[in-house]
Amino acid sequence: MTYSKKEKITLPTGLMDVHIHDIRRTFGSFQAITGASLQIIGKSLGHKSPLSTQVYARLNLGLVLVSIEKATQVMFG
């Protein structure tokens, strides 16, 4: 049973299948996309193991791109 049904909360049709876990994953994803470290994401989501947080690593590409650009500039600059 979802929280909304249990608490008798009426949700818009598009949100009827949304679970707390979905919201947590979305929040963690946006933290990664905006540049938060895996350590910060793990702490904010209450993960006990860094392996639980590792799934978000693929979303934090901004810092990777900055590193690639810096290295390229040094190599060819």
C-alpha atoms as a PDB file:
ATOM      1  CA  MET A   1       0.000   0.000   0.000  1.00  0.00           C
ATOM      2  CA  THR A   2       1.392   3.417  -0.905  1.00  0.00           C
ATOM      3  CA  TYR A   3       1.670   6.199   1.642  1.00  0.00           C
ATOM      4  CA  SER A   4      -1.008   8.252  -0.137  1.00  0.00           C
ATOM      5  CA  LYS A   5      -3.555   5.441   0.101  1.00  0.00           C
ATOM      6  CA  LYS A   6      -2.686   4.657   3.693  1.00  0.00           C
ATOM      7  CA  GLU A   7      -2.992   8.318   4.710  1.00  0.00           C
ATOM      8  CA  LYS A   8      -5.994   8.925   2.419  1.00  0.00           C
ATOM      9  CA  ILE A   9      -4.217  11.666   0.470  1.00  0.00           C
ATOM     10  CA  THR A  10      -5.568  12.434  -2.988  1.00  0.00           C
ATOM     11  CA  LEU A  11      -2.790  12.771  -5.560  1.00  0.00           C
ATOM     12  CA  PRO A  12      -2.925  13.899  -9.181  1.00  0.00           C
ATOM     13  CA  THR A  13      -3.257  10.929 -11.550  1.00  0.00           C
ATOM     14  CA  GLY A  14       0.373  11.173 -12.699  1.00  0.00           C
ATOM     15  CA  LEU A  15       1.642  10.810  -9.145  1.00  0.00           C
ATOM     16  CA  MET A  16      -0.410   7.805  -8.055  1.00  0.00           C
ATOM     17  CA  ASP A  17       2.523   5.413  -8.480  1.00  0.00           C
ATOM     18  CA  VAL A  18       5.152   7.626  -6.846  1.00  0.00           C
ATOM     19  CA  HIS A  19       6.786   6.192  -3.742  1.00  0.00           C
ATOM     20  CA  ILE A  20       9.048   7.774  -1.122  1.00  0.00           C
ATOM     21  CA  HIS A  21      11.967   5.812  -2.599  1.00  0.00           C
ATOM     22  CA  ASP A  22      11.339   7.486  -5.981  1.00  0.00           C
ATOM     23  CA  ILE A  23      11.524  10.915  -4.359  1.00  0.00           C
ATOM     24  CA  ARG A  24      14.761   9.999  -2.546  1.00  0.00           C
ATOM     25  CA  ARG A  25      16.332   8.759  -5.786  1.00  0.00           C
ATOM     26  CA  THR A  26      15.267  11.904  -7.624  1.00  0.00           C
ATOM     27  CA  PHE A  27      16.693  14.101  -4.863  1.00  0.00           C
ATOM     28  CA  GLY A  28      19.999  12.197  -4.895  1.00  0.00           C
ATOM     29  CA  SER A  29      20.129  12.442  -8.683  1.00  0.00           C
ATOM     30  CA  PHE A  30      19.668  16.202  -8.622  1.00  0.00           C
ATOM     31  CA  GLN A  31      22.338  16.511  -5.950  1.00  0.00           C
ATOM     32  CA  ALA A  32      24.756  14.662  -8.249  1.00  0.00           C
ATOM     33  CA  ILE A  33      23.755  16.658 -11.318  1.00  0.00           C
ATOM     34  CA  THR A  34      24.377  19.921  -9.445  1.00  0.00           C
ATOM     35  CA  GLY A  35      27.851  18.810  -8.350  1.00  0.00           C
ATOM     36  CA  ALA A  36      27.435  17.389  -4.843  1.00  0.00           C
ATOM     37  CA  SER A  37      30.057  14.837  -3.864  1.00  0.00           C
ATOM     38  CA  LEU A  38      29.106  11.209  -3.341  1.00  0.00           C
ATOM     39  CA  GLN A  39      29.974  11.631   0.328  1.00  0.00           C
ATOM     40  CA  ILE A  40      27.465  14.484   0.706  1.00  0.00           C
ATOM     41  CA  ILE A  41      24.791  12.610  -1.252  1.00  0.00           C
ATOM     42  CA  GLY A  42      25.284   9.503   0.874  1.00  0.00           C
ATOM     43  CA  LYS A  43      25.053  11.483   4.095  1.00  0.00           C
ATOM     44  CA  SER A  44      21.907  13.334   3.045  1.00  0.00           C
ATOM     45  CA  LEU A  45      20.202  10.092   2.022  1.00  0.00           C
ATOM     46  CA  GLY A  46      21.346   8.252   5.141  1.00  0.00           C
ATOM     47  CA  HIS A  47      23.344   5.597   3.314  1.00  0.00           C
ATOM     48  CA  LYS A  48      25.497   3.438   5.567  1.00  0.00           C
ATOM     49  CA  SER A  49      27.632   2.138   2.698  1.00  0.00           C
ATOM     50  CA  PRO A  50      29.361   4.165  -0.038  1.00  0.00           C
ATOM     51  CA  LEU A  51      28.317   1.400  -2.453  1.00  0.00           C
ATOM     52  CA  SER A  52      24.693   2.475  -2.036  1.00  0.00           C
ATOM     53  CA  THR A  53      25.610   5.965  -3.195  1.00  0.00           C
ATOM     54  CA  GLN A  54      27.795   4.852  -6.110  1.00  0.00           C
ATOM     55  CA  VAL A  55      24.805   4.734  -8.481  1.00  0.00           C
ATOM     56  CA  TYR A  56      24.786   8.541  -8.529  1.00  0.00           C
ATOM     57  CA  ALA A  57      28.391   8.796  -9.768  1.00  0.00           C
ATOM     58  CA  ARG A  58      27.298   8.503 -13.390  1.00  0.00           C
ATOM     59  CA  LEU A  59      25.208  11.676 -13.064  1.00  0.00           C
ATOM     60  CA  ASN A  60      27.918  14.013 -11.824  1.00  0.00           C
ATOM     61  CA  LEU A  61      29.676  14.601 -15.126  1.00  0.00           C
ATOM     62  CA  GLY A  62      30.227  18.341 -14.742  1.00  0.00           C
ATOM     63  CA  LEU A  63      33.409  17.902 -12.730  1.00  0.00           C
ATOM     64  CA  VAL A  64      34.654  15.235 -15.132  1.00  0.00           C
ATOM     65  CA  LEU A  65      34.209  17.589 -18.079  1.00  0.00           C
ATOM     66  CA  VAL A  66      36.002  20.408 -16.258  1.00  0.00           C
ATOM     67  CA  SER A  67      38.911  18.062 -15.503  1.00  0.00           C
ATOM     68  CA  ILE A  68      39.096  16.921 -19.136  1.00  0.00           C
ATOM     69  CA  GLU A  69      39.088  20.516 -20.369  1.00  0.00           C
ATOM     70  CA  LYS A  70      41.859  21.524 -17.948  1.00  0.00           C
ATOM     71  CA  ALA A  71      44.033  18.556 -18.909  1.00  0.00           C
ATOM     72  CA  THR A  72      43.474  19.220 -22.609  1.00  0.00           C
ATOM     73  CA  GLN A  73      44.435  22.880 -22.230  1.00  0.00           C
ATOM     74  CA  VAL A  74      47.650  21.938 -20.430  1.00  0.00           C
ATOM     75  CA  MET A  75      48.510  19.299 -23.021  1.00  0.00           C
ATOM     76  CA  PHE A  76      47.855  21.474 -26.060  1.00  0.00           C
ATOM     77  CA  GLY A  77      47.875  24.979 -24.567  1.00  0.00           C
END
